Amino acid sequence: MIVRDAKTDVLIAGGGPAGASTAFYLARRGVRVMVVDRARFPRSKPCAECLSPQTSRLLDDMGALTELEPQGAWLRGMIVRAPNGAAARGDYAATHGFRAWRDAGLSIRREILDDVLIARARAAGARIVERTRVTDVLREGTGAAHGAWLQDQDGVSRAAPASVLVGADGLRSVTARRLGLWRRARWPSRISLVGHYEEVRGMTDYGEMHIERDGFVGIADVGSGVTTVAAVFPDVRASEISKDRSRFLDRWLASKPHLRSRFADARRMAPASASGPFAAHAKRAWHPGAVLVGDAADFFDPFTGEGIYSALRGGELAADAIMSALLHPGSATDALRDYDARRRREFAGKWLVERIIGAGVAIPRVVNRAAKAMAARKELADLLVGVTGDFVAPGMVLRLGFLARLFVQPLPRTSTVHARHA
């Protein structure tokens, strides 16, 4: 059975942070917005669940921060531990002179975050349609998008025309694929396991990143006595992991002496969830009649764990471009193309840092040296954490002077490890 839907101004595929942000900024300007998502909120999502300090500015603008604060935990910075045991601590509030909108990052469960954000989009005037997925793109004779084909949980399909289609449907975006924009990079190919645990010992108000020779894991308090554990492994272990994801994660944590004691009495609250392989990119984030935001537009690697900021900020940028396209139909294509250019200008430096880090974590010698240098010279750790926290310009850590202090200059004979769990 096929029915036709009433036309809307903007149709958004995906109700995660990127889709909710785009919907919110458009709806509060009076645009007719419809968001479709295959799930029903609240729903869980595999994620490291650590939001950068600068993300709070966007949450506050959406009217969500005061509701989210009591349900999460504030993180003052990050601790990075290398395979050789060297550990360094970077603080968001530091002496380098850069200040974020908040001096701490917020860690919070995705089912809470996403539910609050989609509620804010609804309150702004967006129409939210759950348990419905995009199956294809509606096209004009020119090939331009003008909406999408939707299918609900009962298998009923309908055409949903729209002036602009937004693909916010994640890592393997149907929208990006149907528009011919999606591509998978060959390297690095990694998969992630995420679990939530209670009674993990020694948790503090710092997020932790433990880099091992066979993978890495991020650990953070997400409020209410819950610790999120997001581990990443090479995809060559996919078949081994798929046999029993939860058991694999539990055994891997127990195989690391410095983590074993901390998880000895911990209780995993639900089966571990998986995502990946990663390293997916869109050729570009626009097409005549459509734009991509969030992971649908670019997803490289979860090490820096700051995808929520780029999703929310990307939605803000997309909304500006879409408003221009709606107000000036004759130059709509230029407006959407300009969104992609603006997005690249804003995120290019951060993407480069992410790619360098993504390559470095696969080389133990590089990580060991970097951790020792940052432990001995804390200002280096503070700058790097500031970049991943979205408030220090990436160029600060891409300078030759920074890299020389990290990898070339001799280290002091005695250095302090700035971490509680080294």
Protein backbone atom coordinates (compact mmCIF):
# COMPACT_ATOMS: atom_id res chain seq x y z
CA MET A 1 0.00 0.00 0.00
CA ILE A 2 1.38 3.41 -0.98
CA VAL A 3 0.04 6.76 0.16
CA ARG A 4 1.33 10.27 -0.40
CA ASP A 5 2.25 12.51 2.50
CA ALA A 6 1.53 16.21 2.68
CA LYS A 7 4.54 18.27 1.62
CA THR A 8 6.76 19.70 4.30
CA ASP A 9 9.54 22.25 4.03
CA VAL A 10 12.32 20.06 5.42
CA LEU A 11 12.36 16.29 5.93
CA ILE A 12 15.06 15.02 8.30
CA ALA A 13 16.08 11.36 8.28
CA GLY A 14 17.30 10.51 11.79
CA GLY A 15 16.42 11.90 15.20
CA GLY A 16 19.81 11.72 16.89
CA PRO A 17 21.74 14.84 17.97
CA ALA A 18 22.44 15.97 14.39
CA GLY A 19 18.84 15.58 13.26
CA ALA A 20 17.39 17.04 16.45
CA SER A 21 19.71 20.05 16.26
CA THR A 22 18.84 20.76 12.62
CA ALA A 23 15.14 20.38 13.37
CA PHE A 24 15.29 22.64 16.41
CA TYR A 25 17.08 25.52 14.70
CA LEU A 26 14.72 25.36 11.71
CA ALA A 27 11.46 24.86 13.60
CA ARG A 28 12.03 27.77 15.94
CA ARG A 29 12.29 29.98 12.83
CA GLY A 30 8.89 28.81 11.65
CA VAL A 31 9.99 26.19 9.12
CA ARG A 32 7.71 23.15 8.67
CA VAL A 33 9.99 20.29 9.72
CA MET A 34 9.37 16.56 9.93
CA VAL A 35 11.87 14.22 11.60
CA VAL A 36 11.60 10.47 10.99
CA ASP A 37 13.49 7.85 12.99
CA ARG A 38 13.30 4.07 12.88
CA ALA A 39 13.40 3.83 16.68
CA ARG A 40 11.06 4.95 19.41
CA PHE A 41 12.49 7.36 21.96
CA PRO A 42 14.02 6.96 24.44
CA ARG A 43 16.41 4.48 22.91
CA SER A 44 20.02 3.53 23.58
CA LYS A 45 22.88 4.10 21.16
CA PRO A 46 26.48 2.79 21.20
CA CYS A 47 28.55 5.84 22.13
CA ALA A 48 31.42 6.92 24.38
CA GLU A 49 28.91 9.43 25.85
CA CYS A 50 31.47 12.13 26.69
CA LEU A 51 30.51 15.60 25.51
CA SER A 52 33.15 18.28 25.09
CA PRO A 53 32.98 21.48 27.18
CA GLN A 54 32.01 23.49 24.13
CA THR A 55 29.00 21.25 23.53
CA SER A 56 27.31 22.84 26.54
CA ARG A 57 26.94 26.09 24.60
CA LEU A 58 24.79 24.33 22.02
CA LEU A 59 22.82 22.40 24.63
CA ASP A 60 22.10 25.65 26.46
CA ASP A 61 21.00 27.35 23.25
CA MET A 62 18.53 24.49 22.68
CA GLY A 63 17.21 24.87 26.24
CA ALA A 64 18.40 21.37 27.13
CA LEU A 65 21.36 21.94 29.44
CA THR A 66 19.48 22.57 32.69
CA GLU A 67 17.49 19.37 32.16
CA LEU A 68 20.55 17.30 31.30
CA GLU A 69 22.96 18.52 34.02
CA PRO A 70 21.36 16.66 36.96
CA GLN A 71 21.26 13.42 34.97
CA GLY A 72 24.91 13.23 33.96
CA ALA A 73 28.37 13.85 35.39
CA TRP A 74 30.88 16.65 34.84
CA LEU A 75 34.39 15.73 33.65
CA ARG A 76 37.27 18.11 34.36
CA GLY A 77 39.53 16.59 31.73
CA MET A 78 40.98 13.37 30.37
CA ILE A 79 43.59 10.85 31.47
CA VAL A 80 45.47 8.99 28.75
CA ARG A 81 47.37 5.80 29.59
CA ALA A 82 49.84 4.29 27.11
CA PRO A 83 50.65 0.59 26.63
CA ASN A 84 53.84 0.95 28.71
CA GLY A 85 51.87 2.35 31.68
CA ALA A 86 52.88 6.00 31.20
CA ALA A 87 49.90 8.23 31.89
CA ALA A 88 49.16 11.90 31.45
CA ARG A 89 46.29 14.10 32.56
CA GLY A 90 44.93 17.01 30.57
CA ASP A 91 42.61 19.56 32.16
CA TYR A 92 39.98 21.61 30.35
CA ALA A 93 40.56 24.55 32.69
CA ALA A 94 44.31 25.12 32.33
CA THR A 95 46.95 27.84 32.13
CA HIS A 96 47.21 27.97 28.32
CA GLY A 97 44.80 30.91 28.18
CA PHE A 98 41.98 29.23 26.22
CA ARG A 99 38.59 28.95 27.86
CA ALA A 100 35.64 26.83 26.86
CA TRP A 101 32.00 27.80 27.32
CA ARG A 102 32.15 25.49 30.36
CA ASP A 103 35.24 24.43 32.33
CA ALA A 104 34.09 20.81 32.25
CA GLY A 105 32.59 18.37 29.79
CA LEU A 106 29.30 16.58 30.43
CA SER A 107 29.08 12.80 30.24
CA ILE A 108 25.57 11.39 29.97
CA ARG A 109 23.72 8.34 28.71
CA ARG A 110 22.65 8.61 25.08
CA GLU A 111 19.10 7.48 25.77
CA ILE A 112 18.76 10.49 28.09
CA LEU A 113 20.55 12.96 25.82
CA ASP A 114 18.76 12.01 22.62
CA ASP A 115 15.34 11.92 24.29
CA VAL A 116 15.79 15.43 25.68
CA LEU A 117 17.08 16.81 22.37
CA ILE A 118 14.26 15.36 20.29
CA ALA A 119 11.82 16.76 22.85
CA ARG A 120 13.36 20.20 22.39
CA ALA A 121 12.92 19.90 18.61
CA ARG A 122 9.29 18.89 19.13
CA ALA A 123 8.71 21.80 21.51
CA ALA A 124 10.14 24.16 18.89
CA GLY A 125 7.48 22.96 16.44
CA ALA A 126 9.04 20.02 14.60
CA ARG A 127 6.86 17.01 13.80
CA ILE A 128 8.50 13.80 15.09
CA VAL A 129 7.56 10.50 13.43
CA GLU A 130 8.97 7.42 15.18
CA ARG A 131 9.30 3.81 14.02
CA THR A 132 9.58 4.99 10.44
CA ARG A 133 12.59 4.73 8.18
CA VAL A 134 13.79 6.28 4.93
CA THR A 135 14.06 3.67 2.18
CA ASP A 136 14.89 5.87 -0.81
CA VAL A 137 15.17 9.43 -2.03
CA LEU A 138 12.46 11.14 -4.04
CA ARG A 139 13.99 12.83 -7.06
CA GLU A 140 13.00 15.40 -9.61
CA GLY A 141 13.69 14.93 -13.30
CA THR A 142 16.98 16.78 -12.85
CA GLY A 143 18.12 14.28 -10.22
CA ALA A 144 17.70 16.75 -7.37
CA ALA A 145 16.24 15.40 -4.15
CA HIS A 146 12.76 16.58 -3.19
CA GLY A 147 11.93 14.35 -0.23
CA ALA A 148 12.07 10.65 0.53
CA TRP A 149 10.20 7.38 0.51
CA LEU A 150 9.25 6.31 4.03
CA GLN A 151 8.21 2.97 5.45
CA ASP A 152 6.58 2.51 8.85
CA GLN A 153 6.73 -0.51 11.17
CA ASP A 154 3.69 -2.05 9.47
CA GLY A 155 5.39 -2.01 6.08
CA VAL A 156 3.27 0.85 4.74
CA SER A 157 5.27 3.01 2.32
CA ARG A 158 4.58 6.61 1.51
CA ALA A 159 6.14 9.40 -0.45
CA ALA A 160 7.09 12.40 1.67
CA PRO A 161 7.95 15.36 -0.57
CA ALA A 162 9.99 18.20 0.88
CA SER A 163 11.86 21.22 -0.36
CA VAL A 164 15.05 20.00 1.37
CA LEU A 165 16.03 16.52 2.56
CA VAL A 166 18.48 16.20 5.47
CA GLY A 167 20.41 12.96 5.93
CA ALA A 168 21.09 12.63 9.65
CA ASP A 169 20.80 8.86 9.60
CA GLY A 170 24.21 7.86 10.87
CA LEU A 171 27.30 5.95 9.91
CA ARG A 172 25.68 3.93 7.11
CA SER A 173 23.29 6.61 5.99
CA VAL A 174 20.63 5.39 3.57
CA THR A 175 20.28 8.99 2.41
CA ALA A 176 23.97 9.30 1.57
CA ARG A 177 23.99 5.92 -0.17
CA ARG A 178 20.93 6.67 -2.30
CA LEU A 179 22.42 10.02 -3.30
CA GLY A 180 25.70 8.33 -4.29
CA LEU A 181 27.67 10.27 -1.68
CA TRP A 182 28.68 7.52 0.76
CA ARG A 183 32.05 5.82 0.66
CA ARG A 184 33.97 3.61 3.04
CA ALA A 185 37.64 4.28 3.65
CA ARG A 186 39.93 1.28 3.79
CA TRP A 187 41.79 2.42 6.88
CA PRO A 188 41.55 2.33 9.81
CA SER A 189 38.86 -0.31 10.01
CA ARG A 190 37.77 -0.73 13.63
CA ILE A 191 34.73 -1.88 15.55
CA SER A 192 33.47 -0.79 18.94
CA LEU A 193 31.84 -2.49 21.91
CA VAL A 194 29.98 -0.38 24.46
CA GLY A 195 28.74 -1.48 27.85
CA HIS A 196 27.47 0.13 31.05
CA TYR A 197 28.72 -1.06 34.42
CA GLU A 198 27.91 -0.38 38.03
CA GLU A 199 30.35 -0.56 40.96
CA VAL A 200 33.51 0.20 38.97
CA ARG A 201 36.23 1.13 41.42
CA GLY A 202 38.23 4.32 41.39
CA MET A 203 36.09 6.44 39.09
CA THR A 204 36.80 10.18 39.32
CA ASP A 205 35.70 13.35 37.55
CA TYR A 206 38.09 12.62 34.69
CA GLY A 207 37.42 10.56 31.61
CA GLU A 208 40.00 7.88 30.94
CA MET A 209 41.50 6.52 27.74
CA HIS A 210 43.50 3.32 28.07
CA ILE A 211 45.49 2.45 24.96
CA GLU A 212 46.58 -1.18 24.71
CA ARG A 213 48.47 -3.10 22.06
CA ASP A 214 45.30 -4.90 21.00
CA GLY A 215 42.79 -2.04 21.21
CA PHE A 216 41.81 0.91 23.38
CA VAL A 217 39.02 1.69 25.79
CA GLY A 218 37.38 4.86 27.07
CA ILE A 219 35.90 4.86 30.57
CA ALA A 220 33.82 7.61 32.16
CA ASP A 221 31.30 8.22 34.91
CA VAL A 222 27.95 9.05 33.29
CA GLY A 223 26.02 9.73 36.50
CA SER A 224 23.90 7.72 38.93
CA GLY A 225 26.77 5.36 39.72
CA VAL A 226 27.04 4.16 36.11
CA THR A 227 30.28 3.89 34.14
CA THR A 228 30.27 3.79 30.36
CA VAL A 229 32.92 1.59 28.75
CA ALA A 230 33.60 2.08 25.03
CA ALA A 231 36.26 -0.27 23.67
CA VAL A 232 37.60 -0.27 20.11
CA PHE A 233 39.30 -3.15 18.30
CA PRO A 234 40.69 -3.90 14.82
CA ASP A 235 37.95 -5.42 12.66
CA VAL A 236 40.04 -8.56 12.15
CA ARG A 237 38.57 -9.62 15.51
CA ALA A 238 35.00 -9.21 14.29
CA SER A 239 34.24 -12.93 14.03
CA GLU A 240 35.64 -13.53 17.52
CA ILE A 241 33.64 -10.65 18.97
CA SER A 242 30.41 -11.65 17.25
CA LYS A 243 30.30 -15.01 19.08
CA ASP A 244 29.52 -13.26 22.37
CA ARG A 245 30.09 -9.52 22.50
CA SER A 246 29.46 -9.16 26.22
CA ARG A 247 31.75 -12.01 27.20
CA PHE A 248 34.47 -10.71 24.88
CA LEU A 249 34.36 -7.26 26.48
CA ASP A 250 34.32 -8.65 30.04
CA ARG A 251 37.26 -10.94 29.33
CA TRP A 252 39.24 -8.22 27.59
CA LEU A 253 38.87 -5.86 30.54
CA ALA A 254 39.89 -8.66 32.91
CA SER A 255 43.00 -9.36 30.81
CA LYS A 256 44.45 -5.93 31.65
CA PRO A 257 46.01 -5.96 35.14
CA HIS A 258 45.43 -2.25 35.77
CA LEU A 259 41.72 -2.63 34.89
CA ARG A 260 41.05 -6.09 36.32
CA SER A 261 40.92 -4.99 39.95
CA ARG A 262 38.69 -2.02 39.14
CA PHE A 263 36.14 -4.23 37.40
CA ALA A 264 36.42 -7.15 39.83
CA ASP A 265 33.12 -6.35 41.54
CA ALA A 266 31.52 -4.45 38.68
CA ARG A 267 28.18 -5.50 37.23
CA ARG A 268 27.41 -5.05 33.56
CA MET A 269 23.88 -3.68 33.36
CA ALA A 270 22.90 -5.03 29.91
CA PRO A 271 24.47 -6.88 26.98
CA ALA A 272 27.24 -4.98 25.22
CA SER A 273 26.29 -3.28 21.96
CA ALA A 274 28.48 -3.06 18.87
CA SER A 275 29.03 -0.55 16.10
CA GLY A 276 31.38 -0.24 13.15
CA PRO A 277 33.43 -0.78 11.11
CA PHE A 278 34.32 2.90 11.14
CA ALA A 279 36.19 5.10 8.64
CA ALA A 280 33.13 6.14 6.60
CA HIS A 281 33.03 9.42 4.73
CA ALA A 282 30.71 11.23 2.37
CA LYS A 283 32.26 12.51 -0.84
CA ARG A 284 30.64 15.80 0.07
CA ALA A 285 27.89 16.84 2.46
CA TRP A 286 25.43 18.26 -0.09
CA HIS A 287 23.45 17.31 -3.16
CA PRO A 288 20.89 19.41 -5.03
CA GLY A 289 17.92 19.41 -2.66
CA ALA A 290 19.74 17.67 0.21
CA VAL A 291 22.44 17.97 2.87
CA LEU A 292 24.14 15.50 5.22
CA VAL A 293 24.85 16.17 8.90
CA GLY A 294 26.52 14.30 11.74
CA ASP A 295 27.94 10.82 11.18
CA ALA A 296 26.17 10.61 7.82
CA ALA A 297 28.53 13.32 6.58
CA ASP A 298 31.77 12.16 8.18
CA PHE A 299 32.86 9.57 10.69
CA PHE A 300 36.49 8.64 11.16
CA ASP A 301 37.33 7.09 14.48
CA PRO A 302 35.90 7.27 18.01
CA PHE A 303 39.16 7.89 19.90
CA THR A 304 38.59 11.58 20.58
CA GLY A 305 34.95 10.91 21.49
CA GLU A 306 33.65 14.35 20.47
CA GLY A 307 31.11 13.42 17.79
CA ILE A 308 28.20 14.99 19.65
CA TYR A 309 29.66 18.47 19.32
CA SER A 310 30.16 18.15 15.56
CA ALA A 311 26.65 16.71 15.22
CA LEU A 312 25.02 19.60 17.10
CA ARG A 313 27.18 22.27 15.51
CA GLY A 314 26.73 20.71 12.09
CA GLY A 315 22.97 20.90 12.57
CA GLU A 316 23.27 24.58 13.44
CA LEU A 317 25.30 25.23 10.28
CA ALA A 318 22.93 23.19 8.13
CA ALA A 319 19.91 25.07 9.46
CA ASP A 320 21.45 28.40 8.42
CA ALA A 321 22.07 27.12 4.89
CA ILE A 322 18.62 25.54 4.58
CA MET A 323 16.94 28.77 5.69
CA SER A 324 18.81 30.59 2.94
CA ALA A 325 17.78 27.93 0.42
CA LEU A 326 14.11 28.19 1.42
CA LEU A 327 14.09 31.98 1.35
CA HIS A 328 15.92 32.19 -1.98
CA PRO A 329 14.91 29.14 -4.08
CA GLY A 330 16.74 30.45 -7.13
CA SER A 331 20.07 30.14 -5.33
CA ALA A 332 19.21 27.10 -3.19
CA THR A 333 21.96 24.94 -4.67
CA ASP A 334 24.56 27.61 -3.92
CA ALA A 335 23.36 27.81 -0.31
CA LEU A 336 23.67 24.04 0.20
CA ARG A 337 27.08 23.99 -1.47
CA ASP A 338 28.19 26.83 0.80
CA TYR A 339 27.12 24.77 3.83
CA ASP A 340 29.55 22.04 2.84
CA ALA A 341 32.36 24.57 2.36
CA ARG A 342 31.65 26.25 5.70
CA ARG A 343 31.51 22.90 7.43
CA ARG A 344 34.88 21.92 5.99
CA ARG A 345 36.44 25.20 7.05
CA GLU A 346 35.17 24.80 10.60
CA PHE A 347 36.07 21.14 11.12
CA ALA A 348 39.07 20.56 8.82
CA GLY A 349 41.69 21.17 11.52
CA LYS A 350 39.93 18.91 14.01
CA TRP A 351 39.57 16.19 11.37
CA LEU A 352 43.30 16.32 10.72
CA VAL A 353 44.09 15.98 14.43
CA GLU A 354 41.66 13.05 14.66
CA ARG A 355 43.35 11.30 11.76
CA ILE A 356 46.81 11.79 13.23
CA ILE A 357 45.65 10.44 16.58
CA GLY A 358 43.84 7.57 14.88
CA ALA A 359 47.06 6.56 13.17
CA GLY A 360 49.18 7.06 16.28
CA VAL A 361 47.14 4.84 18.60
CA ALA A 362 47.98 1.89 16.37
CA ILE A 363 51.73 2.35 17.00
CA PRO A 364 52.65 1.61 20.64
CA ARG A 365 56.04 3.29 20.41
CA VAL A 366 54.41 6.55 19.32
CA VAL A 367 51.80 6.43 22.07
CA ASN A 368 54.36 5.55 24.75
CA ARG A 369 56.56 8.50 23.82
CA ALA A 370 53.63 10.93 23.57
CA ALA A 371 52.24 9.91 26.97
CA LYS A 372 55.64 10.28 28.64
CA ALA A 373 56.10 13.71 27.09
CA MET A 374 52.65 14.89 28.18
CA ALA A 375 53.20 13.53 31.69
CA ALA A 376 56.47 15.45 31.93
CA ARG A 377 55.10 18.61 30.30
CA LYS A 378 51.50 18.92 31.38
CA GLU A 379 50.88 21.95 29.20
CA LEU A 380 51.11 19.64 26.17
CA ALA A 381 48.35 17.41 27.56
CA ASP A 382 46.22 20.44 28.40
CA LEU A 383 46.50 21.78 24.85
CA LEU A 384 45.68 18.45 23.24
CA VAL A 385 42.69 17.92 25.53
CA GLY A 386 41.58 21.47 24.69
CA VAL A 387 41.62 20.65 20.99
CA THR A 388 39.58 17.50 21.50
CA GLY A 389 37.34 19.59 23.76
CA ASP A 390 36.55 21.86 20.78
CA PHE A 391 37.76 25.14 22.29
CA VAL A 392 41.48 25.23 21.44
CA ALA A 393 42.36 25.83 17.79
CA PRO A 394 43.74 22.61 16.20
CA GLY A 395 46.67 24.57 14.85
CA MET A 396 48.04 24.81 18.37
CA VAL A 397 48.94 21.10 18.33
CA LEU A 398 49.82 20.92 14.63
CA ARG A 399 52.70 23.37 15.05
CA LEU A 400 56.24 22.07 14.66
CA GLY A 401 57.12 23.35 18.12
CA PHE A 402 54.38 21.32 19.78
CA LEU A 403 55.23 18.18 17.82
CA ALA A 404 58.94 18.59 18.58
CA ARG A 405 58.27 18.82 22.32
CA LEU A 406 56.05 15.77 22.04
CA PHE A 407 58.33 13.52 20.01
CA VAL A 408 61.83 14.99 19.60
CA GLN A 409 63.07 17.04 22.52
CA PRO A 410 64.69 15.11 25.42
CA LEU A 411 62.43 14.54 28.39
CA PRO A 412 63.31 15.63 31.92
CA ARG A 413 65.05 12.89 33.86
CA THR A 414 62.22 12.79 36.36
CA SER A 415 58.64 13.28 35.33
CA THR A 416 55.41 13.19 37.22
CA VAL A 417 52.62 10.95 36.01
CA HIS A 418 49.53 13.11 36.27
CA ALA A 419 47.02 10.33 36.76
CA ARG A 420 45.53 8.49 39.63
CA HIS A 421 45.35 5.16 37.85
CA ALA A 422 48.69 4.84 36.07
